[in-house]
Structures are given as structure tokens and as C-alpha cells.
Amino acid sequence: MPRFYFDVVVYGTLAEDEEGIEMPDIAAAENEAAISAMAIGSDEFPSHGGNGMVIVEVRNKEGQRLASATATMTLQIVRNKRPRPSSL
């Protein structure tokens, strides 16, 4: 089974995966990257004002980048108390 490495970039800080994970194929690794990006984002975004980006890059043992998953969030707070326009 091939080994894939999942490097994570959170708010510009890179954490390289030194160990990797054996997975059946690249499709499984891509799915893991997407799930990881969303999970890390859900933990990190609230502590950064609800805004940010998490990138999980998948590479093989040779260091070749195979895939990338990005989770972004932008929180816009509206403090205007005007009533919403009525629908027609």
C-alpha cells in the first residue's frame, strides 16, 4: 500500500508530515486531505475571528505534490439593524 504525506498550512505556518499514512490509493488520500482541511478549519477559524484558510497538501514518498485541499472561511458581521426589505 502506498504511503502519503499530508503537509498542513494554517495561517501561513507549514507543518510537514514526517510519518505519512498508508492508504489504498490517491483517491483515498484526496478524501483524507479534504476531511482534514475541514476539521482543522472548524477548530482554527473561531479562534481567528472566523476568518482564515487551511491547506492540506498530499505528497508521495519522493516529495512530489499529488493533491491539495483548501478550506476557507470568511465571517462578515453585520451590525446594521435596518429591517430587511419585504419581498414582493
N, C-alpha and C. Protein backbone atom coordinates (compact mmCIF):
# COMPACT_ATOMS: atom_id res chain seq x y z
N MET A 1 0.85 -1.17 0.00
CA MET A 1 0.00 0.00 0.00
C MET A 1 0.90 1.24 0.00
N PRO A 2 0.58 2.23 -0.83
CA PRO A 2 1.42 3.44 -0.88
C PRO A 2 1.27 4.30 0.37
N ARG A 3 2.32 5.03 0.69
CA ARG A 3 2.32 5.94 1.83
C ARG A 3 2.19 7.37 1.30
N PHE A 4 1.26 8.11 1.91
CA PHE A 4 1.03 9.50 1.53
C PHE A 4 1.34 10.40 2.73
N TYR A 5 1.83 11.59 2.42
CA TYR A 5 2.20 12.57 3.44
C TYR A 5 1.28 13.77 3.32
N PHE A 6 0.82 14.27 4.45
CA PHE A 6 -0.16 15.35 4.49
C PHE A 6 0.45 16.57 5.19
N ASP A 7 0.96 17.49 4.39
CA ASP A 7 1.53 18.72 4.93
C ASP A 7 0.40 19.73 5.11
N VAL A 8 0.42 20.44 6.23
CA VAL A 8 -0.67 21.35 6.58
C VAL A 8 -0.15 22.77 6.69
N VAL A 9 -0.86 23.71 6.06
CA VAL A 9 -0.54 25.13 6.18
C VAL A 9 -1.76 25.80 6.82
N VAL A 10 -1.53 26.38 8.01
CA VAL A 10 -2.57 27.10 8.74
C VAL A 10 -2.07 28.50 9.00
N TYR A 11 -2.78 29.49 8.47
CA TYR A 11 -2.40 30.90 8.66
C TYR A 11 -0.94 31.14 8.31
N GLY A 12 -0.50 30.52 7.21
CA GLY A 12 0.85 30.75 6.71
C GLY A 12 1.93 29.92 7.37
N THR A 13 1.59 29.11 8.35
CA THR A 13 2.59 28.28 9.03
C THR A 13 2.49 26.85 8.52
N LEU A 14 3.62 26.33 8.03
CA LEU A 14 3.67 24.99 7.46
C LEU A 14 4.05 23.97 8.53
N ALA A 15 3.29 22.88 8.58
CA ALA A 15 3.63 21.72 9.42
C ALA A 15 3.80 20.54 8.48
N GLU A 16 5.04 20.09 8.31
CA GLU A 16 5.32 18.98 7.41
C GLU A 16 5.05 17.65 8.10
N ASP A 17 4.41 16.76 7.35
CA ASP A 17 4.14 15.42 7.84
C ASP A 17 5.40 14.58 7.64
N GLU A 18 5.98 14.12 8.72
CA GLU A 18 7.22 13.34 8.67
C GLU A 18 6.96 11.84 8.58
N GLU A 19 5.76 11.41 9.00
CA GLU A 19 5.47 9.98 9.10
C GLU A 19 4.65 9.43 7.93
N GLY A 20 3.65 10.18 7.52
CA GLY A 20 2.78 9.72 6.45
C GLY A 20 1.80 8.65 6.92
N ILE A 21 0.90 8.29 6.02
CA ILE A 21 -0.12 7.28 6.30
C ILE A 21 -0.24 6.39 5.07
N GLU A 22 -0.30 5.10 5.29
CA GLU A 22 -0.55 4.18 4.18
C GLU A 22 -2.03 4.21 3.86
N MET A 23 -2.32 4.38 2.57
CA MET A 23 -3.71 4.42 2.11
C MET A 23 -3.79 3.62 0.81
N PRO A 24 -4.99 3.14 0.48
CA PRO A 24 -5.13 2.27 -0.70
C PRO A 24 -4.74 2.94 -2.02
N ASP A 25 -5.08 4.24 -2.17
CA ASP A 25 -4.81 4.92 -3.44
C ASP A 25 -4.91 6.43 -3.27
N ILE A 26 -4.65 7.16 -4.35
CA ILE A 26 -4.67 8.62 -4.31
C ILE A 26 -6.08 9.16 -4.01
N ALA A 27 -7.11 8.46 -4.46
CA ALA A 27 -8.48 8.92 -4.18
C ALA A 27 -8.74 8.92 -2.68
N ALA A 28 -8.27 7.91 -1.98
CA ALA A 28 -8.43 7.86 -0.52
C ALA A 28 -7.64 8.98 0.14
N ALA A 29 -6.45 9.26 -0.38
CA ALA A 29 -5.61 10.34 0.16
C ALA A 29 -6.25 11.70 -0.08
N GLU A 30 -6.84 11.89 -1.26
CA GLU A 30 -7.53 13.16 -1.55
C GLU A 30 -8.70 13.36 -0.60
N ASN A 31 -9.46 12.31 -0.36
CA ASN A 31 -10.60 12.37 0.55
C ASN A 31 -10.12 12.72 1.97
N GLU A 32 -9.04 12.10 2.41
CA GLU A 32 -8.49 12.37 3.73
C GLU A 32 -8.02 13.82 3.84
N ALA A 33 -7.42 14.34 2.78
CA ALA A 33 -6.97 15.73 2.79
C ALA A 33 -8.15 16.69 2.92
N ALA A 34 -9.23 16.43 2.21
CA ALA A 34 -10.41 17.29 2.28
C ALA A 34 -11.04 17.25 3.67
N ILE A 35 -11.18 16.06 4.22
CA ILE A 35 -11.76 15.92 5.57
C ILE A 35 -10.87 16.62 6.60
N SER A 36 -9.57 16.45 6.46
CA SER A 36 -8.62 17.07 7.40
C SER A 36 -8.67 18.59 7.32
N ALA A 37 -8.73 19.14 6.11
CA ALA A 37 -8.79 20.60 5.95
C ALA A 37 -10.03 21.16 6.62
N MET A 38 -11.16 20.50 6.43
CA MET A 38 -12.40 20.97 7.05
C MET A 38 -12.33 20.85 8.58
N ALA A 39 -11.80 19.76 9.08
CA ALA A 39 -11.72 19.54 10.53
C ALA A 39 -10.78 20.55 11.19
N ILE A 40 -9.62 20.76 10.59
CA ILE A 40 -8.67 21.73 11.14
C ILE A 40 -9.27 23.12 11.09
N GLY A 41 -9.91 23.45 9.98
CA GLY A 41 -10.55 24.76 9.84
C GLY A 41 -11.62 25.00 10.90
N SER A 42 -12.43 23.98 11.17
CA SER A 42 -13.50 24.17 12.15
C SER A 42 -12.94 24.40 13.55
N ASP A 43 -11.74 23.90 13.81
CA ASP A 43 -11.07 24.15 15.09
C ASP A 43 -10.38 25.51 15.12
N GLU A 44 -9.77 25.89 14.01
CA GLU A 44 -8.92 27.09 13.97
C GLU A 44 -9.69 28.39 13.68
N PHE A 45 -10.67 28.35 12.81
CA PHE A 45 -11.33 29.58 12.38
C PHE A 45 -11.93 30.40 13.53
N PRO A 46 -12.65 29.77 14.47
CA PRO A 46 -13.25 30.59 15.54
C PRO A 46 -12.21 31.35 16.37
N SER A 47 -11.04 30.79 16.56
CA SER A 47 -10.02 31.46 17.36
C SER A 47 -9.30 32.57 16.59
N HIS A 48 -9.60 32.69 15.31
CA HIS A 48 -9.00 33.73 14.48
C HIS A 48 -10.07 34.66 13.92
N GLY A 49 -11.10 34.91 14.68
CA GLY A 49 -12.14 35.84 14.25
C GLY A 49 -13.06 35.30 13.18
N GLY A 50 -13.06 34.00 12.97
CA GLY A 50 -13.95 33.41 11.98
C GLY A 50 -13.46 33.53 10.55
N ASN A 51 -12.21 33.93 10.36
CA ASN A 51 -11.66 34.09 9.01
C ASN A 51 -10.38 33.27 8.89
N GLY A 52 -10.15 32.74 7.70
CA GLY A 52 -8.89 32.05 7.51
C GLY A 52 -8.90 31.05 6.40
N MET A 53 -7.74 30.37 6.29
CA MET A 53 -7.56 29.38 5.25
C MET A 53 -6.66 28.27 5.78
N VAL A 54 -7.03 27.05 5.48
CA VAL A 54 -6.25 25.87 5.82
C VAL A 54 -5.99 25.12 4.52
N ILE A 55 -4.74 24.74 4.31
CA ILE A 55 -4.38 23.97 3.12
C ILE A 55 -3.76 22.66 3.58
N VAL A 56 -4.22 21.56 3.01
CA VAL A 56 -3.61 20.26 3.25
C VAL A 56 -3.11 19.76 1.90
N GLU A 57 -1.80 19.60 1.80
CA GLU A 57 -1.18 19.13 0.57
C GLU A 57 -0.77 17.68 0.73
N VAL A 58 -1.05 16.89 -0.29
CA VAL A 58 -0.71 15.47 -0.29
C VAL A 58 0.52 15.28 -1.17
N ARG A 59 1.51 14.57 -0.62
CA ARG A 59 2.69 14.25 -1.43
C ARG A 59 3.06 12.78 -1.25
N ASN A 60 3.85 12.28 -2.18
CA ASN A 60 4.30 10.89 -2.09
C ASN A 60 5.67 10.83 -1.41
N LYS A 61 6.23 9.64 -1.29
CA LYS A 61 7.50 9.49 -0.57
C LYS A 61 8.66 10.19 -1.28
N GLU A 62 8.52 10.44 -2.58
CA GLU A 62 9.54 11.17 -3.32
C GLU A 62 9.42 12.69 -3.14
N GLY A 63 8.35 13.12 -2.46
CA GLY A 63 8.14 14.54 -2.23
C GLY A 63 7.32 15.22 -3.31
N GLN A 64 6.84 14.46 -4.28
CA GLN A 64 6.03 15.03 -5.36
C GLN A 64 4.64 15.37 -4.84
N ARG A 65 4.22 16.62 -5.08
CA ARG A 65 2.88 17.05 -4.67
C ARG A 65 1.85 16.41 -5.59
N LEU A 66 0.88 15.73 -4.99
CA LEU A 66 -0.12 15.00 -5.75
C LEU A 66 -1.49 15.65 -5.73
N ALA A 67 -1.82 16.31 -4.63
CA ALA A 67 -3.14 16.92 -4.48
C ALA A 67 -3.09 17.98 -3.39
N SER A 68 -4.11 18.81 -3.38
CA SER A 68 -4.21 19.86 -2.37
C SER A 68 -5.68 20.11 -2.08
N ALA A 69 -6.00 20.24 -0.78
CA ALA A 69 -7.36 20.57 -0.36
C ALA A 69 -7.29 21.86 0.45
N THR A 70 -8.19 22.79 0.15
CA THR A 70 -8.20 24.08 0.84
C THR A 70 -9.57 24.33 1.45
N ALA A 71 -9.57 24.73 2.72
CA ALA A 71 -10.81 25.14 3.40
C ALA A 71 -10.64 26.61 3.76
N THR A 72 -11.61 27.43 3.35
CA THR A 72 -11.56 28.85 3.68
C THR A 72 -12.87 29.26 4.35
N MET A 73 -12.75 30.31 5.14
CA MET A 73 -13.95 30.84 5.78
C MET A 73 -13.79 32.34 5.94
N THR A 74 -14.84 33.06 5.63
CA THR A 74 -14.89 34.50 5.84
C THR A 74 -16.17 34.79 6.60
N LEU A 75 -16.01 35.42 7.73
CA LEU A 75 -17.16 35.79 8.55
C LEU A 75 -17.39 37.28 8.41
N GLN A 76 -18.57 37.64 8.01
CA GLN A 76 -18.92 39.05 7.89
C GLN A 76 -20.03 39.34 8.89
N ILE A 77 -19.73 40.21 9.84
CA ILE A 77 -20.71 40.56 10.86
C ILE A 77 -21.40 41.86 10.44
N VAL A 78 -22.71 41.81 10.39
CA VAL A 78 -23.49 42.98 10.01
C VAL A 78 -24.13 43.53 11.27
N ARG A 79 -23.77 44.74 11.60
CA ARG A 79 -24.30 45.34 12.82
C ARG A 79 -25.41 46.35 12.53
N ASN A 80 -25.75 46.49 11.30
CA ASN A 80 -26.80 47.41 10.90
C ASN A 80 -28.14 46.79 11.25
N LYS A 81 -28.95 47.48 11.98
CA LYS A 81 -30.23 46.94 12.45
C LYS A 81 -31.42 47.32 11.57
N ARG A 82 -31.13 47.84 10.37
CA ARG A 82 -32.25 48.17 9.48
C ARG A 82 -33.07 46.95 9.16
N PRO A 83 -34.37 47.11 9.04
CA PRO A 83 -35.22 45.95 8.68
C PRO A 83 -34.92 45.52 7.26
N ARG A 84 -35.09 44.24 7.03
CA ARG A 84 -34.91 43.69 5.70
C ARG A 84 -36.04 44.16 4.80
N PRO A 85 -35.79 44.40 3.53
CA PRO A 85 -36.88 44.79 2.63
C PRO A 85 -37.90 43.65 2.49
N SER A 86 -39.14 44.01 2.40
CA SER A 86 -40.17 42.99 2.27
C SER A 86 -40.12 42.41 0.86
N SER A 87 -40.48 41.15 0.75
CA SER A 87 -40.50 40.52 -0.57
C SER A 87 -41.75 40.94 -1.33
N LEU A 88 -41.61 40.98 -2.63
CA LEU A 88 -42.74 41.40 -3.48
C LEU A 88 -43.64 40.25 -3.83
